[in-house]
Amino acid sequence: MSNITPRDRTLPMLGAVLLAVIVLGPLLPKWALFLLTIAIAKGMVSLGLMLQLRAGLVSFGQALYYCIGGYTAGSLGRFFDISDMLLQMICGASAAAFVALILGFLLARYRGIFYGLLSMALSMILYGLLAKSESLGSTDGINILPSTIFGIRPVQEWVRYVVLVTGCSVAALAAALVQRYLKTPLGQLSPAIKDNEIRVEYMGASARKAIHVKYVIAAALSGIGGALAATAVGHIDPDMAYWTTSGEFIFITILAGTRSVAAPFLGAILFETIRTVAFDISPNTWQMTLGISLLLVIVFLPEGLWSLFSRRKAA
């Protein structure tokens, strides 16, 4: 029996996908570029949810940090005339991580349904505050400045392509860093925390600290996703923090599975494609189509879509 460990091809695959986007992007219609950009933004949030799900935790309020990232990007343009896309994503991630660092001291104490409901309650508090804030547009939200990259504003015909390539580049870097984190001792604690937290404590590791770190990382990823979505749409509103938005992220994470850092992006692209096609065919019943899709995945692929690739590799 061979002792050679199979080589992880996740990072080369992400690089190949990024190269394909750069090369084939100009050939895609604008609606496809927009759909892919939103999918990448939601995939970033789902990547953070994947970290929590690996530890047996489900956050029903991840939209809190998605909204913080979006409103940070919008506020930079509205109040400080800063429209650089990369700077907006960095600031969005920093703001979300800072809030998560504080709230994490509370949330890291809870498990199960209490963790999920408390996170959702915090998200709805932000929704209520934004809905009452007239300076931030109340329920109508606000428009944000057109994006620039390193101070350069692309011509109108290339804006969507530049935003997509920039978003994919940041997502590939984030996925590589998360992949690296999962191989660290702290990252490898996730399955142990999910199976038996008491044994983790007996081994001398702190489950609460590990969960707190995962929560902050997930928030930073969500902040990047929110800033990217705000840049792509050009508008932000309180619905970014609403509980149904968090439900979409959970849907994507369950649909994709937790076996690879690439899985959330695959799930997000499939989710956006199904929703777009279903809404075009039947605007009044598209939610049913999404529900049936998730039900089929749960029944036939309980470990998510990525298990198809894992089975093929095992075979």
Protein backbone atom coordinates (compact mmCIF):
# COMPACT_ATOMS: atom_id res chain seq x y z
CA MET A 1 0.00 0.00 0.00
CA SER A 2 1.46 3.37 -1.06
CA ASN A 3 2.22 6.04 1.56
CA ILE A 4 2.22 8.83 -1.00
CA THR A 5 -0.38 11.49 -0.22
CA PRO A 6 -2.47 12.54 -3.23
CA ARG A 7 -1.54 15.99 -4.40
CA ASP A 8 -4.10 18.70 -3.71
CA ARG A 9 -5.05 20.23 -7.03
CA THR A 10 -7.43 22.85 -5.67
CA LEU A 11 -5.08 25.80 -6.10
CA PRO A 12 -3.99 24.94 -9.67
CA MET A 13 -7.66 24.51 -10.52
CA LEU A 14 -8.49 27.95 -9.12
CA GLY A 15 -5.65 29.43 -11.17
CA ALA A 16 -6.94 27.72 -14.31
CA VAL A 17 -10.47 29.04 -13.70
CA LEU A 18 -9.14 32.57 -13.17
CA LEU A 19 -7.18 32.34 -16.41
CA ALA A 20 -10.30 31.11 -18.22
CA VAL A 21 -12.29 34.09 -16.90
CA ILE A 22 -9.61 36.51 -18.08
CA VAL A 23 -9.45 34.96 -21.54
CA LEU A 24 -13.14 34.19 -22.14
CA GLY A 25 -14.64 37.12 -20.22
CA PRO A 26 -14.68 39.54 -23.19
CA LEU A 27 -16.70 36.99 -25.18
CA LEU A 28 -19.51 36.78 -22.59
CA PRO A 29 -22.60 39.02 -22.69
CA LYS A 30 -22.93 41.69 -20.02
CA TRP A 31 -25.72 39.87 -18.20
CA ALA A 32 -23.48 36.80 -17.83
CA LEU A 33 -20.62 38.93 -16.50
CA PHE A 34 -22.97 40.46 -13.94
CA LEU A 35 -24.36 37.06 -12.92
CA LEU A 36 -20.86 35.64 -12.43
CA THR A 37 -19.78 38.66 -10.38
CA ILE A 38 -22.74 38.33 -8.01
CA ALA A 39 -22.09 34.59 -7.78
CA ILE A 40 -18.45 35.23 -6.82
CA ALA A 41 -19.58 37.74 -4.17
CA LYS A 42 -22.03 35.26 -2.65
CA GLY A 43 -19.46 32.49 -2.96
CA MET A 44 -17.15 34.52 -0.72
CA VAL A 45 -19.83 34.62 1.98
CA SER A 46 -20.52 30.90 1.56
CA LEU A 47 -16.80 30.20 1.89
CA GLY A 48 -16.98 31.73 5.37
CA LEU A 49 -20.10 29.74 6.17
CA MET A 50 -18.27 26.59 5.08
CA LEU A 51 -15.66 27.18 7.78
CA GLN A 52 -18.39 27.38 10.41
CA LEU A 53 -20.32 24.42 9.01
CA ARG A 54 -17.20 22.25 9.24
CA ALA A 55 -17.27 22.89 12.99
CA GLY A 56 -20.96 22.02 13.19
CA LEU A 57 -22.19 25.63 13.37
CA VAL A 58 -24.79 27.24 11.12
CA SER A 59 -25.05 31.03 11.09
CA PHE A 60 -28.46 32.39 10.15
CA GLY A 61 -27.10 35.93 10.26
CA GLN A 62 -24.11 35.98 7.92
CA ALA A 63 -25.87 38.72 5.97
CA LEU A 64 -24.85 41.03 8.84
CA TYR A 65 -21.25 41.11 7.57
CA TYR A 66 -22.28 41.01 3.92
CA CYS A 67 -24.23 44.21 4.61
CA ILE A 68 -21.38 45.79 6.58
CA GLY A 69 -19.06 45.21 3.64
CA GLY A 70 -21.57 46.70 1.20
CA TYR A 71 -22.30 49.76 3.31
CA THR A 72 -18.60 50.32 3.99
CA ALA A 73 -17.97 50.39 0.24
CA GLY A 74 -20.95 52.71 -0.29
CA SER A 75 -19.99 55.04 2.54
CA LEU A 76 -16.44 55.41 1.25
CA GLY A 77 -17.79 56.70 -2.03
CA ARG A 78 -20.60 58.78 -0.57
CA PHE A 79 -18.72 60.54 2.22
CA PHE A 80 -15.03 60.28 1.24
CA ASP A 81 -15.18 60.13 -2.57
CA ILE A 82 -13.24 56.84 -2.58
CA SER A 83 -14.24 54.59 -5.46
CA ASP A 84 -11.26 52.25 -5.75
CA MET A 85 -12.67 48.74 -5.82
CA LEU A 86 -9.77 47.01 -4.08
CA LEU A 87 -9.67 49.59 -1.30
CA GLN A 88 -13.42 49.21 -0.79
CA MET A 89 -13.08 45.44 -0.42
CA ILE A 90 -10.18 45.80 2.01
CA CYS A 91 -12.10 48.29 4.13
CA GLY A 92 -15.25 46.17 3.93
CA ALA A 93 -13.35 43.11 5.16
CA SER A 94 -11.67 45.12 7.94
CA ALA A 95 -14.94 46.63 9.19
CA ALA A 96 -16.70 43.26 9.17
CA ALA A 97 -13.79 41.54 10.92
CA PHE A 98 -13.67 44.23 13.61
CA VAL A 99 -17.37 43.87 14.38
CA ALA A 100 -17.04 40.07 14.39
CA LEU A 101 -14.07 40.26 16.74
CA ILE A 102 -16.26 42.04 19.28
CA LEU A 103 -19.44 40.01 18.78
CA GLY A 104 -17.45 36.79 18.63
CA PHE A 105 -16.77 36.92 22.37
CA LEU A 106 -20.54 36.45 22.80
CA LEU A 107 -21.32 34.07 19.95
CA ALA A 108 -18.38 31.73 20.63
CA ARG A 109 -20.11 30.71 23.86
CA TYR A 110 -23.14 29.24 22.07
CA ARG A 111 -23.73 26.17 19.94
CA GLY A 112 -26.51 24.68 17.85
CA ILE A 113 -29.74 26.55 17.30
CA PHE A 114 -28.78 29.23 19.84
CA TYR A 115 -25.75 30.18 17.74
CA GLY A 116 -27.86 30.41 14.61
CA LEU A 117 -30.73 32.41 16.11
CA LEU A 118 -28.46 34.83 17.96
CA SER A 119 -26.53 35.55 14.78
CA MET A 120 -29.81 36.15 12.94
CA ALA A 121 -31.00 38.50 15.69
CA LEU A 122 -27.83 40.59 15.37
CA SER A 123 -28.32 40.77 11.61
CA MET A 124 -31.92 41.96 12.00
CA ILE A 125 -30.81 44.63 14.47
CA LEU A 126 -28.56 46.08 11.78
CA TYR A 127 -31.42 45.86 9.29
CA GLY A 128 -33.65 47.87 11.64
CA LEU A 129 -30.99 50.51 12.25
CA LEU A 130 -30.33 50.98 8.53
CA ALA A 131 -34.02 51.11 7.71
CA LYS A 132 -34.40 54.02 10.16
CA SER A 133 -31.24 55.86 9.08
CA GLU A 134 -32.18 58.72 6.73
CA SER A 135 -28.54 59.67 6.10
CA LEU A 136 -28.00 56.22 4.54
CA GLY A 137 -31.15 56.29 2.44
CA SER A 138 -33.44 54.44 4.86
CA THR A 139 -35.25 51.54 3.14
CA ASP A 140 -34.45 52.93 -0.33
CA GLY A 141 -30.71 52.62 0.18
CA ILE A 142 -28.12 54.69 -1.69
CA ASN A 143 -26.26 54.55 -4.98
CA ILE A 144 -22.48 54.25 -4.96
CA LEU A 145 -19.85 55.75 -7.21
CA PRO A 146 -18.72 53.92 -10.37
CA SER A 147 -15.75 51.67 -9.67
CA THR A 148 -12.11 52.48 -10.32
CA ILE A 149 -9.04 50.23 -10.18
CA PHE A 150 -5.84 51.87 -8.89
CA GLY A 151 -7.44 55.23 -9.60
CA ILE A 152 -8.31 54.36 -13.22
CA ARG A 153 -11.97 54.24 -14.29
CA PRO A 154 -12.53 51.69 -17.09
CA VAL A 155 -14.54 52.68 -20.13
CA GLN A 156 -18.23 51.83 -19.89
CA GLU A 157 -18.03 48.81 -22.20
CA TRP A 158 -15.36 47.15 -20.05
CA VAL A 159 -16.61 47.97 -16.56
CA ARG A 160 -18.39 44.65 -15.92
CA TYR A 161 -15.43 42.67 -17.26
CA VAL A 162 -12.92 44.54 -15.07
CA VAL A 163 -15.13 44.14 -11.99
CA LEU A 164 -15.48 40.40 -12.65
CA VAL A 165 -11.75 39.83 -13.18
CA THR A 166 -10.89 41.83 -10.06
CA GLY A 167 -13.49 39.95 -8.02
CA CYS A 168 -12.27 36.58 -9.29
CA SER A 169 -8.67 37.48 -8.49
CA VAL A 170 -9.53 38.46 -4.93
CA ALA A 171 -11.71 35.34 -4.54
CA ALA A 172 -8.89 33.07 -5.77
CA LEU A 173 -6.48 34.68 -3.30
CA ALA A 174 -9.00 34.34 -0.46
CA ALA A 175 -9.66 30.68 -1.32
CA ALA A 176 -5.90 29.98 -1.34
CA LEU A 177 -5.51 31.58 2.10
CA VAL A 178 -8.47 29.62 3.49
CA GLN A 179 -6.98 26.43 2.03
CA ARG A 180 -3.76 27.24 3.83
CA TYR A 181 -5.65 27.95 7.06
CA LEU A 182 -7.47 24.60 6.91
CA LYS A 183 -4.10 22.82 6.95
CA THR A 184 -2.98 24.56 10.15
CA PRO A 185 -3.58 22.93 13.56
CA LEU A 186 -6.30 25.48 14.32
CA GLY A 187 -8.04 24.82 11.02
CA GLN A 188 -7.86 21.05 11.47
CA LEU A 189 -9.74 21.29 14.77
CA SER A 190 -13.05 21.79 12.96
CA PRO A 191 -14.08 18.12 12.57
CA ALA A 192 -13.02 17.42 16.16
CA ILE A 193 -15.12 20.32 17.46
CA LYS A 194 -18.08 19.07 15.45
CA ASP A 195 -17.74 15.47 16.70
CA ASN A 196 -16.77 15.95 20.35
CA GLU A 197 -15.91 19.37 21.73
CA ILE A 198 -15.13 18.00 25.19
CA ARG A 199 -12.31 15.84 23.85
CA VAL A 200 -10.84 18.91 22.14
CA GLU A 201 -10.70 20.66 25.50
CA TYR A 202 -9.10 17.60 27.12
CA MET A 203 -6.40 17.69 24.43
CA GLY A 204 -5.47 21.18 25.60
CA ALA A 205 -6.99 23.12 22.70
CA SER A 206 -9.61 25.82 23.13
CA ALA A 207 -12.73 25.15 21.11
CA ARG A 208 -14.08 28.60 21.93
CA LYS A 209 -10.95 30.28 20.59
CA ALA A 210 -11.05 28.19 17.41
CA ILE A 211 -14.69 29.10 16.81
CA HIS A 212 -13.97 32.77 17.48
CA VAL A 213 -11.19 32.75 14.88
CA LYS A 214 -13.42 31.03 12.32
CA TYR A 215 -16.16 33.57 13.01
CA VAL A 216 -13.83 36.50 12.36
CA ILE A 217 -12.43 34.93 9.17
CA ALA A 218 -15.96 34.22 7.92
CA ALA A 219 -16.95 37.82 8.64
CA ALA A 220 -13.97 39.19 6.70
CA LEU A 221 -14.83 37.01 3.71
CA SER A 222 -18.45 38.16 3.90
CA GLY A 223 -17.32 41.79 4.03
CA ILE A 224 -15.34 41.30 0.83
CA GLY A 225 -18.38 39.69 -0.80
CA GLY A 226 -20.64 42.54 0.27
CA ALA A 227 -18.26 45.18 -1.09
CA LEU A 228 -17.95 43.30 -4.38
CA ALA A 229 -21.73 42.97 -4.72
CA ALA A 230 -22.22 46.67 -3.96
CA THR A 231 -19.65 47.56 -6.62
CA ALA A 232 -21.30 45.31 -9.18
CA VAL A 233 -24.87 46.47 -8.51
CA GLY A 234 -24.02 50.12 -7.85
CA HIS A 235 -26.60 50.29 -5.06
CA ILE A 236 -26.91 49.22 -1.43
CA ASP A 237 -29.99 48.90 0.78
CA PRO A 238 -30.93 47.36 4.17
CA ASP A 239 -32.16 44.16 2.52
CA MET A 240 -28.51 43.10 2.38
CA ALA A 241 -28.84 42.38 6.13
CA TYR A 242 -32.31 40.78 5.99
CA TRP A 243 -32.70 37.19 7.16
CA THR A 244 -33.75 35.96 3.72
CA THR A 245 -30.34 37.04 2.38
CA SER A 246 -28.69 34.87 5.03
CA GLY A 247 -30.97 32.05 3.90
CA GLU A 248 -29.57 32.31 0.38
CA PHE A 249 -26.04 31.89 1.70
CA ILE A 250 -27.02 28.82 3.72
CA PHE A 251 -28.76 27.42 0.63
CA ILE A 252 -25.59 27.85 -1.42
CA THR A 253 -23.36 26.29 1.25
CA ILE A 254 -25.57 23.21 1.65
CA LEU A 255 -25.92 22.93 -2.11
CA ALA A 256 -22.15 23.01 -2.62
CA GLY A 257 -20.88 21.01 0.34
CA THR A 258 -17.84 21.57 2.54
CA ARG A 259 -15.20 19.35 0.95
CA SER A 260 -13.32 22.05 -0.97
CA VAL A 261 -12.74 25.78 -0.89
CA ALA A 262 -13.87 25.84 -4.52
CA ALA A 263 -17.25 24.29 -3.71
CA PRO A 264 -18.96 27.51 -2.46
CA PHE A 265 -18.23 29.28 -5.74
CA LEU A 266 -19.57 26.36 -7.76
CA GLY A 267 -22.70 26.36 -5.60
CA ALA A 268 -23.13 30.13 -5.94
CA ILE A 269 -22.85 30.01 -9.75
CA LEU A 270 -25.37 27.16 -9.92
CA PHE A 271 -27.71 28.96 -7.51
CA GLU A 272 -27.67 32.19 -9.50
CA THR A 273 -28.13 30.28 -12.77
CA ILE A 274 -31.10 28.28 -11.48
CA ARG A 275 -32.73 31.36 -10.01
CA THR A 276 -32.26 33.42 -13.16
CA VAL A 277 -33.61 30.70 -15.45
CA ALA A 278 -36.48 29.82 -13.09
CA PHE A 279 -37.49 33.47 -12.70
CA ASP A 280 -37.41 33.94 -16.46
CA ILE A 281 -39.59 30.88 -17.08
CA SER A 282 -41.98 31.23 -14.13
CA PRO A 283 -41.67 34.48 -12.15
CA ASN A 284 -44.33 33.45 -9.62
CA THR A 285 -42.94 30.01 -8.71
CA TRP A 286 -39.16 30.39 -8.98
CA GLN A 287 -38.79 29.82 -5.21
CA MET A 288 -40.38 26.39 -5.64
CA THR A 289 -37.80 25.52 -8.29
CA LEU A 290 -34.98 26.44 -5.91
CA GLY A 291 -36.59 24.41 -3.14
CA ILE A 292 -36.93 21.35 -5.35
CA SER A 293 -33.30 21.69 -6.45
CA LEU A 294 -32.09 21.80 -2.85
CA LEU A 295 -34.32 18.85 -1.92
CA LEU A 296 -32.87 16.74 -4.75
CA VAL A 297 -29.31 17.58 -3.68
CA ILE A 298 -30.05 16.69 -0.04
CA VAL A 299 -31.62 13.36 -1.04
CA PHE A 300 -29.13 12.21 -3.67
CA LEU A 301 -25.98 14.17 -2.67
CA PRO A 302 -26.17 14.69 1.10
CA GLU A 303 -22.56 15.93 1.18
CA GLY A 304 -23.15 18.53 -1.55
CA LEU A 305 -22.33 18.87 -5.21
CA TRP A 306 -18.60 18.67 -4.63
CA SER A 307 -19.00 15.07 -3.52
CA LEU A 308 -19.42 14.23 -7.21
CA PHE A 309 -15.80 15.25 -7.82
CA SER A 310 -14.65 13.46 -4.68
CA ARG A 311 -16.32 10.22 -5.77
CA ARG A 312 -14.72 10.47 -9.19
CA LYS A 313 -11.29 10.99 -7.64
CA ALA A 314 -11.83 8.02 -5.32
CA ALA A 315 -12.88 5.83 -8.24
